[in-house]
Amino acid sequence: MDLILNMFFLNRSIFLIECIILLYVFLESERTHLFQAFILTWILVSVLHILLYSYNFNRLLISYAVGTLYLIPTILLFKETYWAKIFVFYMIFSITQLVYLIFTYVDHFISSPIPQIFIFIGLMLELTALPLIKRYITPSLKEIIKILNHHNSIFTLFPIISFLLLTSYAFLENYLLSTFVAIILTTLLLFFSYYLIAKSISATKRLDELQQISMTDSLTGLYNRRYFNKKIKQVYDLYLKTNSEFSLISADIDLFKDINDLYGHDCGDSVLTSVTQDISKSTRTSDCVARWGGEEFLILLPATNKEQAILLAERIRKRVEAHQYKFSDNKTISVTLTLGVAVAKPADTIDKIIKRADLALYFGKQKSRNCVISFDEIDTTIASN
């Protein structure tokens, strides 16, 4: 009897250590007293086990019900969102308990002089497999956790359902071969399901990455010409339907060729990237900033009139002018922008709007550089000559 109890507590202790290690592998801890918290919970769980066992309740059911108390330190000790921690906890709890149950059946089917020896062997095999789990399973699970960290809580239902399925086996209270086979198939099904979930998320992520690559400029991270053409068509179509005014800014780095010639293309690329960041910081979330080609940018401003567009363009110009851009060996360089502004008008086409913004930009380059020019100013100038 003493040997049975000793093996039971040894196996349950190894099982707890294994689960804690898995939590630590899959989640990121934010507190230092990790094992102490789980040990305190283990003491509480052990006391409850002893108390409830004295009432002759279903032992497996007690073990599963009381074991959920480990969710408390899991929620308190790790950084991820509640949904991610609940998902990982019930995933680990349901799968490891099912594997434990499988070896419990093996131990029952195969008589051994040492009680629960096959459970012990199974736990040792699981511990030796932890490095493989960390190497091959953790990256995929991290993708699931990222999804859950963005509040996609629907995924949390799956491991909770798995736990309920595990609990249902406690009510069978038999050691039939058919039940043993069902438990094995359930375990394999869960492993395969988590694998499919991870692969599906990875494929979706890869698709998103490819889509992002197809619509952005590789150097600056801004939208590319292809995406911008699609976006301006959407805004233009809305303008035709609702007459919602929109504006366009064409911006160009002044004397950018001289920067490349004097300091090299690495400096030019660095300046281009930094100017891009300043432009993005100066615009609104509803605006669309694209690299149109070389050192030229187009900025689409939905629901924006001429005065608002000029103010925004002036804000961008001043920000760039005030910035000392660093490049190799902590050297700095000053650059300026010239910006042309055009506003959508009746009977316009997309090409005409872009052309007017470019003409305003060209006029600014000819005038003085480092300025903001509206196409309406050119119209007035032409009309007065």
Protein backbone atom coordinates (compact mmCIF):
# COMPACT_ATOMS: atom_id res chain seq x y z
CA MET A 1 0.00 0.00 0.00
CA ASP A 2 2.85 2.38 0.86
CA LEU A 3 4.51 1.59 -2.47
CA ILE A 4 1.31 2.38 -4.35
CA LEU A 5 0.94 5.73 -2.58
CA ASN A 6 4.62 6.57 -3.10
CA MET A 7 4.40 5.80 -6.83
CA PHE A 8 1.18 7.76 -7.11
CA PHE A 9 2.66 10.90 -5.54
CA LEU A 10 5.92 10.46 -7.51
CA ASN A 11 4.02 10.24 -10.79
CA ARG A 12 1.75 13.17 -9.96
CA SER A 13 4.80 15.26 -8.98
CA ILE A 14 6.56 14.44 -12.25
CA PHE A 15 3.34 15.21 -14.10
CA LEU A 16 3.10 18.62 -12.41
CA ILE A 17 6.73 19.45 -13.21
CA GLU A 18 6.18 18.47 -16.82
CA CYS A 19 3.10 20.70 -17.12
CA ILE A 20 4.91 23.65 -15.53
CA ILE A 21 7.83 23.24 -17.95
CA LEU A 22 5.41 23.16 -20.89
CA LEU A 23 3.72 26.34 -19.67
CA TYR A 24 7.13 27.98 -19.34
CA VAL A 25 8.08 26.81 -22.86
CA PHE A 26 4.90 28.06 -24.53
CA LEU A 27 4.27 31.24 -22.51
CA GLU A 28 6.43 34.13 -21.31
CA SER A 29 6.66 34.54 -17.55
CA GLU A 30 6.56 38.00 -15.98
CA ARG A 31 7.10 37.09 -12.33
CA THR A 32 10.07 35.43 -10.64
CA HIS A 33 8.37 33.11 -8.12
CA LEU A 34 7.02 30.79 -10.78
CA PHE A 35 7.66 27.38 -9.21
CA GLN A 36 6.80 28.59 -5.71
CA ALA A 37 3.33 29.65 -6.85
CA PHE A 38 2.72 26.30 -8.52
CA ILE A 39 4.00 24.42 -5.45
CA LEU A 40 1.58 26.33 -3.22
CA THR A 41 -1.21 25.46 -5.64
CA TRP A 42 -0.05 21.83 -5.64
CA ILE A 43 -0.30 21.74 -1.82
CA LEU A 44 -3.84 23.13 -2.01
CA VAL A 45 -4.78 20.63 -4.74
CA SER A 46 -3.29 17.74 -2.71
CA VAL A 47 -5.28 18.71 0.37
CA LEU A 48 -8.48 18.91 -1.66
CA HIS A 49 -7.68 15.53 -3.21
CA ILE A 50 -7.35 13.91 0.20
CA LEU A 51 -10.53 15.53 1.50
CA LEU A 52 -12.64 14.64 -1.54
CA TYR A 53 -11.26 11.10 -1.86
CA SER A 54 -12.61 10.36 1.63
CA TYR A 55 -16.14 10.85 0.25
CA ASN A 56 -15.61 8.12 -2.39
CA PHE A 57 -16.23 10.46 -5.31
CA ASN A 58 -15.04 9.58 -8.79
CA ARG A 59 -11.26 9.94 -8.49
CA LEU A 60 -10.59 10.90 -12.09
CA LEU A 61 -13.34 13.49 -11.99
CA ILE A 62 -11.92 14.94 -8.76
CA SER A 63 -8.45 15.04 -10.31
CA TYR A 64 -9.67 16.92 -13.38
CA ALA A 65 -11.90 19.33 -11.47
CA VAL A 66 -9.33 20.18 -8.80
CA GLY A 67 -6.53 20.32 -11.39
CA THR A 68 -8.14 23.36 -13.00
CA LEU A 69 -6.95 25.35 -9.94
CA TYR A 70 -3.56 25.48 -11.66
CA LEU A 71 -5.17 27.94 -14.04
CA ILE A 72 -4.91 30.59 -11.28
CA PRO A 73 -1.06 30.77 -11.15
CA THR A 74 -1.01 30.42 -14.94
CA ILE A 75 -3.11 33.58 -15.31
CA LEU A 76 -1.14 35.46 -12.63
CA LEU A 77 2.41 34.55 -13.70
CA PHE A 78 2.48 34.90 -17.48
CA LYS A 79 2.39 37.94 -19.77
CA GLU A 80 0.01 36.84 -22.52
CA THR A 81 -3.66 37.77 -22.69
CA TYR A 82 -6.23 35.87 -20.64
CA TRP A 83 -7.48 34.10 -23.76
CA ALA A 84 -3.99 32.93 -24.72
CA LYS A 85 -3.25 31.67 -21.20
CA ILE A 86 -6.58 29.84 -20.97
CA PHE A 87 -5.99 28.28 -24.40
CA VAL A 88 -2.48 27.04 -23.52
CA PHE A 89 -3.48 25.84 -20.06
CA TYR A 90 -6.40 23.72 -21.22
CA MET A 91 -4.46 22.47 -24.23
CA ILE A 92 -1.62 21.24 -22.01
CA PHE A 93 -4.00 19.97 -19.32
CA SER A 94 -6.23 17.99 -21.68
CA ILE A 95 -3.46 16.44 -23.81
CA THR A 96 -1.12 15.54 -20.94
CA GLN A 97 -4.01 14.11 -18.92
CA LEU A 98 -5.11 12.00 -21.88
CA VAL A 99 -1.57 10.67 -22.31
CA TYR A 100 -1.43 10.00 -18.56
CA LEU A 101 -4.75 8.16 -18.87
CA ILE A 102 -3.40 6.03 -21.72
CA PHE A 103 -0.49 4.82 -19.57
CA THR A 104 -2.88 4.27 -16.68
CA TYR A 105 -4.76 1.82 -18.91
CA VAL A 106 -1.48 0.19 -20.01
CA ASP A 107 -0.50 -0.21 -16.36
CA HIS A 108 -3.88 -1.83 -15.70
CA PHE A 109 -3.70 -4.19 -18.69
CA ILE A 110 -0.11 -5.29 -18.03
CA SER A 111 0.38 -6.58 -14.52
CA SER A 112 3.68 -5.56 -12.97
CA PRO A 113 5.27 -6.17 -9.56
CA ILE A 114 5.82 -2.42 -9.30
CA PRO A 115 2.48 -0.55 -9.30
CA GLN A 116 2.08 2.37 -11.74
CA ILE A 117 5.49 1.64 -13.29
CA PHE A 118 4.15 2.14 -16.85
CA ILE A 119 2.75 5.53 -15.87
CA PHE A 120 6.22 6.42 -14.60
CA ILE A 121 7.82 5.19 -17.87
CA GLY A 122 5.30 7.21 -19.89
CA LEU A 123 6.06 10.36 -17.91
CA MET A 124 9.80 9.84 -18.41
CA LEU A 125 9.25 9.48 -22.15
CA GLU A 126 7.29 12.73 -22.16
CA LEU A 127 10.07 14.53 -20.26
CA THR A 128 12.69 13.31 -22.73
CA ALA A 129 10.48 14.58 -25.56
CA LEU A 130 10.35 18.15 -24.16
CA PRO A 131 13.36 19.40 -26.21
CA LEU A 132 11.68 18.13 -29.37
CA ILE A 133 8.42 19.81 -28.36
CA LYS A 134 10.28 23.09 -27.77
CA ARG A 135 12.01 22.87 -31.14
CA TYR A 136 9.22 21.69 -33.41
CA ILE A 137 5.91 22.57 -31.73
CA THR A 138 6.62 25.84 -29.91
CA PRO A 139 7.06 28.00 -33.07
CA SER A 140 3.67 26.91 -34.42
CA LEU A 141 1.98 27.36 -31.06
CA LYS A 142 3.47 30.85 -30.77
CA GLU A 143 1.59 31.76 -33.94
CA ILE A 144 -1.67 30.64 -32.32
CA ILE A 145 -0.81 32.68 -29.21
CA LYS A 146 -0.23 35.78 -31.36
CA ILE A 147 -3.71 35.37 -32.80
CA LEU A 148 -5.17 34.99 -29.30
CA ASN A 149 -3.24 38.04 -28.08
CA HIS A 150 -5.21 40.04 -30.63
CA HIS A 151 -8.44 39.03 -28.88
CA ASN A 152 -9.49 36.23 -31.23
CA SER A 153 -11.06 34.44 -28.27
CA ILE A 154 -13.04 31.95 -30.36
CA PHE A 155 -9.94 29.69 -30.55
CA THR A 156 -10.11 29.26 -26.76
CA LEU A 157 -13.23 27.13 -27.13
CA PHE A 158 -11.31 24.27 -28.72
CA PRO A 159 -9.07 23.29 -25.75
CA ILE A 160 -11.98 23.84 -23.34
CA ILE A 161 -14.06 21.39 -25.40
CA SER A 162 -11.05 19.04 -25.36
CA PHE A 163 -11.01 19.27 -21.57
CA LEU A 164 -14.74 18.48 -21.40
CA LEU A 165 -14.15 15.50 -23.67
CA LEU A 166 -11.39 14.34 -21.31
CA THR A 167 -13.76 14.75 -18.36
CA SER A 168 -16.36 12.57 -20.07
CA TYR A 169 -13.98 9.60 -19.84
CA ALA A 170 -13.99 9.93 -16.06
CA PHE A 171 -17.67 8.99 -16.00
CA LEU A 172 -17.04 5.68 -17.80
CA GLU A 173 -15.19 4.20 -14.81
CA ASN A 174 -14.01 1.12 -16.67
CA TYR A 175 -10.86 -0.35 -18.15
CA LEU A 176 -12.36 -1.79 -21.33
CA LEU A 177 -10.21 -2.15 -24.42
CA SER A 178 -12.76 -0.18 -26.45
CA THR A 179 -12.43 2.76 -24.03
CA PHE A 180 -8.64 2.52 -24.25
CA VAL A 181 -8.77 2.67 -28.06
CA ALA A 182 -11.18 5.63 -27.89
CA ILE A 183 -8.80 7.53 -25.61
CA ILE A 184 -5.87 6.89 -27.96
CA LEU A 185 -7.89 8.06 -30.97
CA THR A 186 -9.05 11.14 -29.06
CA THR A 187 -5.46 12.02 -28.18
CA LEU A 188 -4.30 11.58 -31.77
CA LEU A 189 -7.25 13.63 -33.00
CA LEU A 190 -6.34 16.47 -30.65
CA PHE A 191 -2.71 16.44 -31.73
CA PHE A 192 -3.75 16.49 -35.38
CA SER A 193 -6.31 19.25 -34.78
CA TYR A 194 -3.76 21.53 -33.10
CA TYR A 195 -1.36 20.77 -35.94
CA LEU A 196 -3.98 21.80 -38.52
CA ILE A 197 -4.81 24.97 -36.58
CA ALA A 198 -1.13 25.94 -36.45
CA LYS A 199 -0.61 25.18 -40.15
CA SER A 200 -3.72 27.14 -41.09
CA ILE A 201 -2.54 30.17 -39.12
CA SER A 202 0.96 29.91 -40.64
CA ALA A 203 -0.49 29.73 -44.14
CA THR A 204 -2.73 32.73 -43.45
CA LYS A 205 0.22 34.66 -42.05
CA ARG A 206 2.32 33.82 -45.09
CA LEU A 207 -0.50 34.93 -47.38
CA ASP A 208 -0.74 38.22 -45.46
CA GLU A 209 3.01 38.69 -45.78
CA LEU A 210 2.89 38.10 -49.53
CA GLN A 211 0.00 40.54 -49.83
CA GLN A 212 1.95 43.09 -47.81
CA ILE A 213 4.99 42.61 -50.05
CA SER A 214 2.84 43.07 -53.16
CA MET A 215 1.51 46.43 -51.95
CA THR A 216 4.52 48.05 -50.27
CA ASP A 217 7.87 49.45 -51.30
CA SER A 218 10.73 47.23 -50.08
CA LEU A 219 13.04 50.10 -49.06
CA THR A 220 10.72 52.58 -47.36
CA GLY A 221 7.82 50.36 -46.32
CA LEU A 222 5.38 52.81 -47.90
CA TYR A 223 2.64 51.73 -50.23
CA ASN A 224 3.80 51.20 -53.81
CA ARG A 225 2.39 52.58 -57.03
CA ARG A 226 0.20 49.54 -57.62
CA TYR A 227 -1.59 49.83 -54.28
CA PHE A 228 -1.85 53.62 -54.53
CA ASN A 229 -3.59 53.36 -57.91
CA LYS A 230 -6.11 50.98 -56.35
CA LYS A 231 -6.64 53.26 -53.34
CA ILE A 232 -7.06 56.49 -55.30
CA LYS A 233 -9.60 54.77 -57.56
CA GLN A 234 -11.68 53.87 -54.47
CA VAL A 235 -11.55 57.46 -53.21
CA TYR A 236 -12.26 58.80 -56.69
CA ASP A 237 -15.29 56.53 -57.12
CA LEU A 238 -16.59 57.73 -53.75
CA TYR A 239 -16.07 61.32 -54.91
CA LEU A 240 -18.16 60.69 -58.03
CA LYS A 241 -20.98 59.20 -55.94
CA THR A 242 -21.03 61.56 -52.96
CA ASN A 243 -19.03 64.58 -54.13
CA SER A 244 -16.80 64.08 -51.06
CA GLU A 245 -13.84 66.32 -51.77
CA PHE A 246 -10.33 64.88 -51.65
CA SER A 247 -6.84 66.23 -52.21
CA LEU A 248 -3.49 64.97 -53.42
CA ILE A 249 0.03 66.01 -52.47
CA SER A 250 3.04 65.30 -54.64
CA ALA A 251 6.30 65.61 -52.67
CA ASP A 252 9.90 65.38 -53.79
CA ILE A 253 13.21 65.56 -51.88
CA ASP A 254 15.16 68.57 -53.09
CA LEU A 255 18.55 67.96 -54.73
CA PHE A 256 18.42 64.27 -53.91
CA LYS A 257 20.78 63.41 -56.78
CA ASP A 258 23.43 65.63 -55.19
CA ILE A 259 23.09 63.68 -51.92
CA ASN A 260 23.70 60.41 -53.76
CA ASP A 261 26.62 61.87 -55.69
CA LEU A 262 28.30 63.48 -52.65
CA TYR A 263 27.64 60.91 -49.91
CA GLY A 264 26.84 57.71 -51.78
CA HIS A 265 23.70 55.65 -52.32
CA ASP A 266 23.77 54.19 -48.79
CA CYS A 267 23.36 57.71 -47.43
CA GLY A 268 20.66 58.37 -50.01
CA ASP A 269 18.74 55.26 -48.96
CA SER A 270 19.09 56.20 -45.29
CA VAL A 271 17.78 59.73 -45.94
CA LEU A 272 14.95 58.38 -48.06
CA THR A 273 13.86 56.00 -45.29
CA SER A 274 14.08 58.68 -42.60
CA VAL A 275 12.14 61.24 -44.65
CA THR A 276 9.52 58.56 -45.24
CA GLN A 277 9.12 58.14 -41.48
CA ASP A 278 8.71 61.90 -40.99
CA ILE A 279 6.07 62.07 -43.71
CA SER A 280 4.17 59.14 -42.19
CA LYS A 281 4.29 60.71 -38.72
CA SER A 282 2.85 63.96 -40.10
CA THR A 283 -0.11 62.38 -41.89
CA ARG A 284 -3.36 60.95 -40.54
CA THR A 285 -4.40 57.33 -40.34
CA SER A 286 -6.96 57.91 -43.09
CA ASP A 287 -4.31 59.22 -45.49
CA CYS A 288 -2.41 57.04 -47.93
CA VAL A 289 1.31 57.69 -48.45
CA ALA A 290 3.07 55.99 -51.37
CA ARG A 291 6.50 56.03 -52.93
CA TRP A 292 5.74 57.06 -56.48
CA GLY A 293 9.23 56.63 -57.82
CA GLY A 294 12.79 57.53 -56.83
CA GLU A 295 12.57 60.32 -54.26
CA GLU A 296 8.99 61.30 -55.13
CA PHE A 297 5.96 60.57 -52.93
CA LEU A 298 2.23 60.85 -53.41
CA ILE A 299 -0.04 61.50 -50.44
CA LEU A 300 -3.76 60.87 -50.85
CA LEU A 301 -5.98 62.86 -48.48
CA PRO A 302 -9.61 61.66 -48.41
CA ALA A 303 -12.31 64.13 -47.30
CA THR A 304 -9.82 67.01 -47.37
CA ASN A 305 -10.22 70.44 -48.97
CA LYS A 306 -7.48 72.68 -50.36
CA GLU A 307 -6.83 74.66 -47.17
CA GLN A 308 -6.53 71.49 -45.06
CA ALA A 309 -4.23 69.89 -47.62
CA ILE A 310 -1.95 72.94 -47.70
CA LEU A 311 -1.74 72.98 -43.90
CA LEU A 312 -0.81 69.30 -43.81
CA ALA A 313 1.76 69.76 -46.59
CA GLU A 314 3.28 72.67 -44.71
CA ARG A 315 3.47 70.54 -41.55
CA ILE A 316 5.36 67.86 -43.48
CA ARG A 317 7.72 70.42 -45.03
CA LYS A 318 8.59 72.01 -41.67
CA ARG A 319 9.14 68.64 -40.01
CA VAL A 320 11.58 67.51 -42.69
CA GLU A 321 13.35 70.88 -42.77
CA ALA A 322 13.92 70.82 -38.99
CA HIS A 323 15.29 67.26 -38.96
CA GLN A 324 19.01 66.50 -39.00
CA TYR A 325 19.22 63.13 -40.73
CA LYS A 326 21.93 60.77 -39.54
CA PHE A 327 23.87 58.39 -41.73
CA SER A 328 27.20 56.51 -41.37
CA ASP A 329 29.60 57.40 -38.53
CA ASN A 330 26.99 59.62 -36.88
CA LYS A 331 27.21 62.21 -39.65
CA THR A 332 24.15 64.36 -40.23
CA ILE A 333 22.64 66.04 -43.24
CA SER A 334 19.80 68.50 -43.77
CA VAL A 335 17.28 68.01 -46.56
CA THR A 336 14.15 69.81 -47.70
CA LEU A 337 10.96 68.90 -49.51
CA THR A 338 8.99 70.61 -52.21
CA LEU A 339 5.30 69.76 -52.23
CA GLY A 340 2.56 70.30 -54.78
CA VAL A 341 -1.13 70.26 -53.83
CA ALA A 342 -4.10 69.49 -56.07
CA VAL A 343 -7.79 69.15 -55.20
CA ALA A 344 -10.33 67.02 -57.04
CA LYS A 345 -12.67 69.01 -59.28
CA PRO A 346 -15.77 68.20 -61.32
CA ALA A 347 -15.10 66.35 -64.58
CA ASP A 348 -11.66 65.33 -63.29
CA THR A 349 -9.99 62.04 -64.01
CA ILE A 350 -7.45 60.38 -61.75
CA ASP A 351 -4.66 61.10 -64.23
CA LYS A 352 -5.58 64.78 -64.35
CA ILE A 353 -5.50 65.12 -60.56
CA ILE A 354 -2.07 63.46 -60.37
CA LYS A 355 -0.82 65.60 -63.24
CA ARG A 356 -1.97 68.81 -61.52
CA ALA A 357 -0.19 67.85 -58.30
CA ASP A 358 2.97 67.12 -60.32
CA LEU A 359 2.70 70.47 -62.11
CA ALA A 360 2.38 72.26 -58.77
CA LEU A 361 5.44 70.37 -57.53
CA TYR A 362 7.38 71.27 -60.69
CA PHE A 363 6.38 74.92 -60.28
CA GLY A 364 7.67 74.85 -56.69
CA LYS A 365 10.98 73.38 -57.84
CA GLN A 366 11.36 76.13 -60.40
CA LYS A 367 10.33 78.82 -57.93
CA SER A 368 12.54 78.20 -54.90
CA ARG A 369 12.33 74.59 -53.62
CA ASN A 370 11.49 73.88 -49.94
CA CYS A 371 7.96 75.19 -50.37
CA VAL A 372 4.31 74.19 -50.71
CA ILE A 373 2.54 75.15 -53.94
CA SER A 374 -1.14 74.65 -54.71
CA PHE A 375 -2.13 74.11 -58.33
CA ASP A 376 -4.66 76.93 -57.90
CA GLU A 377 -1.71 79.31 -57.47
CA ILE A 378 -0.39 78.26 -60.87
CA ASP A 379 -3.84 78.80 -62.40
CA THR A 380 -3.94 82.31 -60.94
CA THR A 381 -0.42 83.07 -62.12
CA ILE A 382 -1.18 81.86 -65.64
CA ALA A 383 -4.46 83.79 -65.72
CA SER A 384 -2.73 87.03 -64.67
CA ASN A 385 -0.02 86.76 -67.37
